Amino acid sequence: MAGRAGVLQFQFRRMLASKTWRYAVVVGLVAMSVCFVQTCLVFWGHDVGEVPAADVAWVGNYESMQTPLFCFYLYFLMPFLAAAVFGDSLFLDVRRRYAGCVAVRSSLRSYLFSGAIVAFVGGFLVVFVPLLVSQLLAFVAFPATSGQDAYQLLLNTSAAEVDSTGWYDKTLFLGLFLNARYLLNLIFIVYDALWGGLLALAAFALSLYVRTSRLLVVGLPALVLIVSSYLLPSDPDIAQCLIFSLVIPRSPTVFLAAPLVVLLVLLVLVGAMWLPLVRRKDVLL
């Protein structure tokens, strides 16, 4: 029998060698590159004093940087790509009668939980890598630092005038927003990547119960997330924060509570995987 570490390593090699993983990463990188070009065009021909730093000019700041494709990618493409990277591996293994061969060489539990771990990591990375690259791309065209009023001058307003509107009071993690925007952007990137991993894990767990359609396995978790975003309260601070953390003002309370919600859902998904094993159900049939 292969050890658990060996099965896990084997599953990681399968994921990284798959065409789906490569295609999903490429789609994300292309989308971020187009968003970067859109951002550059916004500031084409303007004075250096009007150009923001790379932390502000990050495409994730899509409302200010006028990069609507970023929003489209994150809300509509990313959920499906993350779930498809390795979330449907159990479904495909069972359909191809490959799952039993792997399980015999290790154990059913090792096979299932190694697959679940790789599905989560694959979904996480396929979101994390393009978003991290998008921040690195910003350094190509924008300075690492800029004046406090950079970009506000372009809008004919100053940082002081923005402060007088109370906008800063509603900004999440104001200290990081004003003094460590790169760290704040990284927090948002990791947070969004966490949702990608969760979607992939949900697809993997769903494969234990759905054997009729690969499209259903990959698409249902993403559809639930997308539809639920429209069913949440109309308050944008709540809806936008609970689904994806983008660089806009939102509720700190909801943002801090969201990881607990993610943890609870993860526990439910793990329980969904454990239940068939407790009942000694042959989940590979």
Protein backbone atom coordinates (compact mmCIF):
# COMPACT_ATOMS: atom_id res chain seq x y z
CA MET A 1 0.00 0.00 0.00
CA ALA A 2 1.20 3.47 -0.80
CA GLY A 3 1.46 5.81 2.19
CA ARG A 4 -0.80 8.79 2.62
CA ALA A 5 2.03 11.16 1.69
CA GLY A 6 2.64 9.16 -1.48
CA VAL A 7 -1.02 9.30 -2.50
CA LEU A 8 -1.12 13.03 -1.80
CA GLN A 9 1.99 13.60 -3.89
CA PHE A 10 0.49 11.50 -6.66
CA GLN A 11 -2.71 13.56 -6.64
CA PHE A 12 -0.77 16.82 -6.77
CA ARG A 13 1.17 15.60 -9.79
CA ARG A 14 -2.10 14.71 -11.51
CA MET A 15 -3.53 18.14 -10.84
CA LEU A 16 -0.47 20.07 -12.04
CA ALA A 17 -0.18 17.91 -15.17
CA SER A 18 -3.83 18.32 -16.15
CA LYS A 19 -4.86 20.50 -19.08
CA THR A 20 -7.68 22.01 -17.02
CA TRP A 21 -5.21 23.46 -14.49
CA ARG A 22 -3.10 25.03 -17.22
CA TYR A 23 -6.07 26.39 -19.16
CA ALA A 24 -7.64 27.88 -16.02
CA VAL A 25 -4.42 29.65 -15.06
CA VAL A 26 -3.97 30.96 -18.60
CA VAL A 27 -7.53 32.30 -18.68
CA GLY A 28 -6.92 34.09 -15.39
CA LEU A 29 -3.62 35.56 -16.56
CA VAL A 30 -5.11 36.74 -19.84
CA ALA A 31 -8.00 38.39 -17.99
CA MET A 32 -5.60 40.15 -15.59
CA SER A 33 -3.41 41.29 -18.50
CA VAL A 34 -6.39 42.85 -20.30
CA CYS A 35 -7.43 44.57 -17.06
CA PHE A 36 -3.87 45.90 -16.70
CA VAL A 37 -4.02 47.37 -20.21
CA GLN A 38 -7.37 48.97 -19.38
CA THR A 39 -5.83 50.56 -16.29
CA CYS A 40 -2.88 51.91 -18.26
CA LEU A 41 -5.20 53.48 -20.83
CA VAL A 42 -7.03 55.38 -18.06
CA PHE A 43 -3.82 57.26 -17.21
CA TRP A 44 -2.41 57.58 -20.73
CA GLY A 45 -1.06 61.11 -21.29
CA HIS A 46 -1.52 62.36 -17.73
CA ASP A 47 1.13 64.03 -15.60
CA VAL A 48 3.27 61.96 -13.26
CA GLY A 49 1.71 63.70 -10.26
CA GLU A 50 -1.69 62.34 -11.25
CA VAL A 51 -0.54 58.72 -11.52
CA PRO A 52 -1.22 56.58 -8.42
CA ALA A 53 1.10 54.01 -6.92
CA ALA A 54 0.92 50.36 -7.92
CA ASP A 55 -1.04 49.51 -4.79
CA VAL A 56 -3.89 51.82 -5.83
CA ALA A 57 -3.57 51.03 -9.55
CA TRP A 58 -4.04 47.33 -8.87
CA VAL A 59 -6.77 46.00 -11.15
CA GLY A 60 -8.60 44.63 -8.09
CA ASN A 61 -9.48 48.25 -7.38
CA TYR A 62 -11.77 47.83 -10.35
CA GLU A 63 -14.27 50.63 -9.64
CA SER A 64 -11.64 53.36 -9.50
CA MET A 65 -9.38 51.81 -12.14
CA GLN A 66 -12.28 51.21 -14.56
CA THR A 67 -11.53 47.52 -15.09
CA PRO A 68 -14.99 45.88 -15.29
CA LEU A 69 -13.48 42.70 -16.76
CA PHE A 70 -11.92 42.03 -13.37
CA CYS A 71 -15.37 41.97 -11.79
CA PHE A 72 -16.68 39.71 -14.57
CA TYR A 73 -13.78 37.30 -14.13
CA LEU A 74 -14.05 37.14 -10.35
CA TYR A 75 -17.82 36.76 -10.16
CA PHE A 76 -18.60 34.62 -13.21
CA LEU A 77 -15.48 32.88 -14.56
CA MET A 78 -13.44 32.21 -11.45
CA PRO A 79 -16.06 30.10 -9.60
CA PHE A 80 -16.35 27.65 -12.51
CA LEU A 81 -12.60 27.56 -13.21
CA ALA A 82 -11.76 26.90 -9.56
CA ALA A 83 -14.27 24.05 -9.29
CA ALA A 84 -13.10 22.50 -12.57
CA VAL A 85 -9.37 22.39 -11.75
CA PHE A 86 -9.59 19.23 -9.63
CA GLY A 87 -13.01 19.37 -8.03
CA ASP A 88 -14.40 16.93 -10.58
CA SER A 89 -11.49 14.47 -10.28
CA LEU A 90 -13.48 11.94 -8.23
CA PHE A 91 -16.38 12.10 -10.69
CA LEU A 92 -14.05 11.46 -13.63
CA ASP A 93 -12.09 8.72 -11.81
CA VAL A 94 -15.29 6.82 -11.05
CA ARG A 95 -16.61 7.22 -14.58
CA ARG A 96 -13.32 5.95 -16.04
CA ARG A 97 -13.12 3.12 -13.47
CA TYR A 98 -9.81 4.53 -12.29
CA ALA A 99 -10.76 5.32 -8.70
CA GLY A 100 -10.81 1.69 -7.56
CA CYS A 101 -7.27 1.09 -8.82
CA VAL A 102 -5.88 4.01 -6.82
CA ALA A 103 -7.92 3.18 -3.71
CA VAL A 104 -6.69 -0.43 -3.72
CA ARG A 105 -3.06 0.71 -3.79
CA SER A 106 -3.60 3.03 -0.81
CA SER A 107 -6.92 3.09 1.01
CA LEU A 108 -10.31 4.57 0.32
CA ARG A 109 -9.90 7.20 3.02
CA SER A 110 -6.43 8.20 1.83
CA TYR A 111 -7.66 8.45 -1.74
CA LEU A 112 -10.69 10.58 -0.86
CA PHE A 113 -9.02 12.95 1.55
CA SER A 114 -5.91 13.42 -0.57
CA GLY A 115 -8.22 14.25 -3.48
CA ALA A 116 -10.13 16.72 -1.31
CA ILE A 117 -6.92 18.44 -0.18
CA VAL A 118 -5.60 18.74 -3.74
CA ALA A 119 -8.99 20.01 -4.96
CA PHE A 120 -8.93 22.76 -2.34
CA VAL A 121 -5.31 23.70 -3.02
CA GLY A 122 -5.88 23.63 -6.80
CA GLY A 123 -8.93 25.88 -6.53
CA PHE A 124 -7.01 28.20 -4.21
CA LEU A 125 -3.97 28.48 -6.49
CA VAL A 126 -5.90 28.99 -9.71
CA VAL A 127 -7.33 32.17 -8.15
CA PHE A 128 -4.28 33.22 -6.15
CA VAL A 129 -1.72 33.06 -8.98
CA PRO A 130 -3.49 35.37 -11.49
CA LEU A 131 -4.48 37.87 -8.79
CA LEU A 132 -0.94 37.98 -7.41
CA VAL A 133 0.43 38.45 -10.93
CA SER A 134 -2.05 41.28 -11.44
CA GLN A 135 -0.50 43.13 -8.50
CA LEU A 136 3.01 42.49 -9.82
CA LEU A 137 1.97 43.77 -13.26
CA ALA A 138 1.04 47.11 -11.71
CA PHE A 139 4.73 47.76 -10.98
CA VAL A 140 5.46 47.68 -14.73
CA ALA A 141 3.60 50.93 -15.38
CA PHE A 142 3.08 52.57 -11.98
CA PRO A 143 5.49 53.75 -9.26
CA ALA A 144 5.89 51.85 -6.00
CA THR A 145 4.91 55.00 -4.04
CA SER A 146 3.13 58.23 -4.88
CA GLY A 147 1.88 61.39 -3.21
CA GLN A 148 -1.19 61.33 -1.00
CA ASP A 149 -3.24 63.27 -3.54
CA ALA A 150 -2.12 61.29 -6.60
CA TYR A 151 -5.11 60.16 -8.66
CA GLN A 152 -7.40 62.39 -6.55
CA LEU A 153 -5.91 65.30 -8.53
CA LEU A 154 -7.05 63.61 -11.70
CA LEU A 155 -10.58 63.61 -10.29
CA ASN A 156 -10.29 67.28 -9.27
CA THR A 157 -10.50 66.41 -5.58
CA SER A 158 -7.97 65.97 -2.78
CA ALA A 159 -7.48 63.42 -0.04
CA ALA A 160 -8.70 65.99 2.48
CA GLU A 161 -11.92 66.50 0.52
CA VAL A 162 -12.46 62.75 0.32
CA ASP A 163 -12.00 62.52 4.09
CA SER A 164 -14.62 65.23 4.65
CA THR A 165 -17.25 63.07 2.93
CA GLY A 166 -16.90 60.32 5.56
CA TRP A 167 -15.71 57.82 2.93
CA TYR A 168 -12.68 56.84 5.00
CA ASP A 169 -14.89 56.06 7.99
CA LYS A 170 -16.56 53.28 5.99
CA THR A 171 -13.33 51.85 4.60
CA LEU A 172 -12.36 48.36 5.74
CA PHE A 173 -9.06 48.19 7.66
CA LEU A 174 -8.48 51.94 7.40
CA GLY A 175 -4.99 51.71 8.90
CA LEU A 176 -3.86 49.27 6.20
CA PHE A 177 -5.76 51.20 3.54
CA LEU A 178 -3.82 54.39 4.32
CA ASN A 179 -0.43 52.97 5.30
CA ALA A 180 -0.05 49.44 3.90
CA ARG A 181 -2.16 49.05 0.78
CA TYR A 182 0.06 46.28 -0.59
CA LEU A 183 -0.62 44.19 2.49
CA LEU A 184 -4.32 44.99 2.24
CA ASN A 185 -4.37 43.92 -1.41
CA LEU A 186 -2.64 40.67 -0.47
CA ILE A 187 -5.30 40.03 2.18
CA PHE A 188 -8.00 40.46 -0.45
CA ILE A 189 -6.15 38.17 -2.87
CA VAL A 190 -5.83 35.40 -0.28
CA TYR A 191 -9.44 35.85 0.78
CA ASP A 192 -10.74 35.53 -2.78
CA ALA A 193 -8.46 32.52 -3.35
CA LEU A 194 -9.97 30.92 -0.25
CA TRP A 195 -13.37 31.03 -1.94
CA GLY A 196 -11.86 29.37 -4.99
CA GLY A 197 -10.57 26.52 -2.85
CA LEU A 198 -13.90 26.19 -1.11
CA LEU A 199 -15.76 25.91 -4.43
CA ALA A 200 -13.39 23.17 -5.60
CA LEU A 201 -13.84 21.29 -2.33
CA ALA A 202 -17.60 21.59 -2.65
CA ALA A 203 -17.45 20.11 -6.16
CA PHE A 204 -15.31 17.22 -4.91
CA ALA A 205 -17.72 16.45 -2.07
CA LEU A 206 -20.66 16.69 -4.47
CA SER A 207 -19.04 13.99 -6.61
CA LEU A 208 -19.80 11.49 -3.82
CA TYR A 209 -23.52 11.91 -4.47
CA VAL A 210 -23.86 13.06 -8.11
CA ARG A 211 -22.89 10.55 -10.78
CA THR A 212 -24.97 11.70 -13.73
CA SER A 213 -23.42 14.93 -14.95
CA ARG A 214 -19.93 16.42 -14.77
CA LEU A 215 -21.40 19.81 -15.60
CA LEU A 216 -23.61 19.59 -12.52
CA VAL A 217 -20.65 18.72 -10.28
CA VAL A 218 -18.59 21.66 -11.52
CA GLY A 219 -21.39 24.15 -12.04
CA LEU A 220 -23.70 23.69 -9.06
CA PRO A 221 -21.37 25.11 -6.34
CA ALA A 222 -20.54 28.08 -8.57
CA LEU A 223 -24.20 28.69 -9.41
CA VAL A 224 -25.18 28.54 -5.74
CA LEU A 225 -22.55 31.15 -4.93
CA ILE A 226 -23.52 33.43 -7.81
CA VAL A 227 -27.27 33.17 -7.17
CA SER A 228 -26.85 33.65 -3.42
CA SER A 229 -25.01 36.92 -4.08
CA TYR A 230 -28.26 38.26 -5.54
CA LEU A 231 -30.38 36.91 -2.69
CA LEU A 232 -28.34 38.49 0.10
CA PRO A 233 -29.51 41.72 1.75
CA SER A 234 -29.54 44.72 -0.56
CA ASP A 235 -26.91 46.49 1.59
CA PRO A 236 -23.81 46.43 -0.67
CA ASP A 237 -21.49 46.38 2.35
CA ILE A 238 -22.96 43.01 3.38
CA ALA A 239 -23.46 41.41 -0.03
CA GLN A 240 -20.11 42.35 -1.55
CA CYS A 241 -18.13 41.50 1.56
CA LEU A 242 -19.67 38.10 2.18
CA ILE A 243 -19.07 36.87 -1.37
CA PHE A 244 -15.80 38.53 -2.44
CA SER A 245 -13.60 41.13 -0.75
CA LEU A 246 -12.76 43.75 -3.34
CA VAL A 247 -11.12 47.09 -2.71
CA ILE A 248 -14.23 49.12 -1.87
CA PRO A 249 -15.77 50.27 1.43
CA ARG A 250 -17.60 47.50 3.28
CA SER A 251 -18.60 46.26 6.73
CA PRO A 252 -15.63 45.22 8.92
CA THR A 253 -17.93 43.08 11.06
CA VAL A 254 -19.11 41.01 8.11
CA PHE A 255 -15.58 40.70 6.72
CA LEU A 256 -14.23 39.37 10.02
CA ALA A 257 -17.16 36.98 10.39
CA ALA A 258 -16.84 35.61 6.86
CA PRO A 259 -13.82 33.35 7.61
CA LEU A 260 -15.88 31.73 10.36
CA VAL A 261 -18.63 31.06 7.82
CA VAL A 262 -16.04 29.56 5.48
CA LEU A 263 -14.72 27.36 8.28
CA LEU A 264 -18.24 26.15 9.10
CA VAL A 265 -18.93 25.28 5.46
CA LEU A 266 -15.63 23.43 5.27
CA LEU A 267 -16.60 21.35 8.30
CA VAL A 268 -19.94 20.53 6.71
CA LEU A 269 -18.23 19.45 3.50
CA VAL A 270 -15.75 17.26 5.38
CA GLY A 271 -18.68 15.71 7.24
CA ALA A 272 -20.41 15.04 3.92
CA MET A 273 -17.34 13.13 2.80
CA TRP A 274 -16.99 11.24 6.10
CA LEU A 275 -20.61 10.09 6.29
CA PRO A 276 -20.45 7.55 3.43
CA LEU A 277 -17.30 6.04 4.95
CA VAL A 278 -18.94 5.67 8.36
CA ARG A 279 -21.88 3.92 6.74
CA ARG A 280 -19.41 1.69 4.86
CA LYS A 281 -20.94 2.76 1.58
CA ASP A 282 -18.90 1.95 -1.52
CA VAL A 283 -18.60 5.49 -2.89
CA LEU A 284 -16.66 4.28 -5.94
CA LEU A 285 -19.53 2.33 -7.46
